Amino acid sequence: MDTGRSAIIDGPNKPARQSSLANTGAQYVYFCVKGDAFNAQILRMDEEVDGFTCRVHGRLKSGRTIGVPFRGEYSVGTRSGWFEFHSEGGANNG
């Protein structure tokens, strides 16, 4: 399986992420990564004890890689982090 990693340079606030998680299939969040941007569906979010950082798992919902699963780490405090994308559909993103 091919994977790629991208730096997040801007993303959603905490309420938007939580809403996406609660309304899977109906609510997406927008992330800007270096050189691109996309809508994402959050399927799982694990918050760290600092209250700002979380590990996210989901699927891309826009662009040329629609449906691709991802996982990553995101900080709402700095609105930055990273995503690792899996180029084959059906990959385990947990």
Protein backbone atom coordinates (compact mmCIF):
# COMPACT_ATOMS: atom_id res chain seq x y z
CA MET A 1 0.00 0.00 0.00
CA ASP A 2 1.29 3.45 -0.90
CA THR A 3 1.25 6.05 1.82
CA GLY A 4 2.05 9.72 1.90
CA ARG A 5 2.45 12.24 4.66
CA SER A 6 1.40 15.89 4.50
CA ALA A 7 1.84 18.77 6.89
CA ILE A 8 -1.39 20.46 8.00
CA ILE A 9 -1.05 24.23 7.82
CA ASP A 10 -4.64 25.14 8.81
CA GLY A 11 -7.73 23.31 9.94
CA PRO A 12 -10.98 23.31 11.89
CA ASN A 13 -11.68 24.43 15.41
CA LYS A 14 -12.61 21.93 18.12
CA PRO A 15 -16.43 22.29 17.82
CA ALA A 16 -16.26 21.68 14.05
CA ARG A 17 -14.20 18.50 14.56
CA GLN A 18 -16.61 17.26 17.21
CA SER A 19 -19.61 17.99 14.98
CA SER A 20 -18.01 16.06 12.12
CA LEU A 21 -17.47 13.10 14.42
CA ALA A 22 -21.03 13.20 15.74
CA ASN A 23 -22.59 13.57 12.27
CA THR A 24 -20.54 11.18 10.14
CA GLY A 25 -21.77 11.20 6.60
CA ALA A 26 -23.42 14.60 6.96
CA GLN A 27 -20.71 16.90 8.29
CA TYR A 28 -17.19 17.39 6.90
CA VAL A 29 -14.30 19.57 8.03
CA TYR A 30 -11.84 21.49 5.88
CA PHE A 31 -8.08 21.07 6.17
CA CYS A 32 -5.32 22.91 4.32
CA VAL A 33 -2.16 20.89 3.81
CA LYS A 34 1.02 22.02 2.18
CA GLY A 35 0.18 22.35 -1.52
CA ASP A 36 -3.50 21.26 -1.29
CA ALA A 37 -6.75 21.39 0.69
CA PHE A 38 -9.59 18.92 1.21
CA ASN A 39 -12.79 18.12 3.05
CA ALA A 40 -12.54 15.24 5.50
CA GLN A 41 -14.94 13.00 7.37
CA ILE A 42 -13.76 12.35 10.94
CA LEU A 43 -14.47 8.75 11.93
CA ARG A 44 -12.53 8.66 15.18
CA MET A 45 -10.86 11.29 17.32
CA ASP A 46 -8.72 10.59 20.38
CA GLU A 47 -7.93 13.68 22.44
CA GLU A 48 -4.66 14.00 24.30
CA VAL A 49 -4.56 15.17 27.92
CA ASP A 50 -3.48 18.71 26.93
CA GLY A 51 -6.98 19.35 25.51
CA PHE A 52 -5.57 20.81 22.29
CA THR A 53 -3.99 17.86 20.50
CA CYS A 54 -5.86 14.90 19.07
CA ARG A 55 -5.28 11.90 16.90
CA VAL A 56 -7.76 11.79 14.04
CA HIS A 57 -8.82 8.98 11.71
CA GLY A 58 -11.13 9.37 8.75
CA ARG A 59 -11.66 9.54 4.99
CA LEU A 60 -11.08 12.27 2.44
CA LYS A 61 -14.31 13.63 0.97
CA SER A 62 -13.05 15.86 -1.83
CA GLY A 63 -10.32 16.21 -4.43
CA ARG A 64 -8.56 13.63 -6.53
CA THR A 65 -8.09 11.32 -3.56
CA ILE A 66 -11.74 11.17 -2.47
CA GLY A 67 -12.47 8.17 -0.25
CA VAL A 68 -8.86 7.67 0.78
CA PRO A 69 -8.44 6.84 4.49
CA PHE A 70 -6.10 8.90 6.64
CA ARG A 71 -4.79 9.16 10.16
CA GLY A 72 -2.86 11.92 11.80
CA GLU A 73 -2.28 14.30 14.63
CA TYR A 74 -3.76 17.77 14.83
CA SER A 75 -3.48 20.61 17.35
CA VAL A 76 -6.37 23.04 17.59
CA GLY A 77 -4.04 25.41 19.47
CA THR A 78 -1.67 25.86 16.53
CA ARG A 79 -4.05 24.61 13.79
CA SER A 80 -1.23 22.41 12.56
CA GLY A 81 -0.13 18.80 12.52
CA TRP A 82 0.25 16.01 9.98
CA PHE A 83 -1.81 13.48 8.04
CA GLU A 84 -0.74 10.15 6.65
CA PHE A 85 -2.80 9.14 3.63
CA HIS A 86 -3.32 5.59 2.36
CA SER A 87 -3.77 5.44 -1.41
CA GLU A 88 -5.76 2.20 -1.50
CA GLY A 89 -9.41 2.20 -0.45
CA GLY A 90 -10.49 -0.23 2.21
CA ALA A 91 -7.35 0.20 4.28
CA ASN A 92 -7.71 0.03 8.03
CA ASN A 93 -7.50 3.57 9.31
CA GLY A 94 -7.75 2.71 13.02
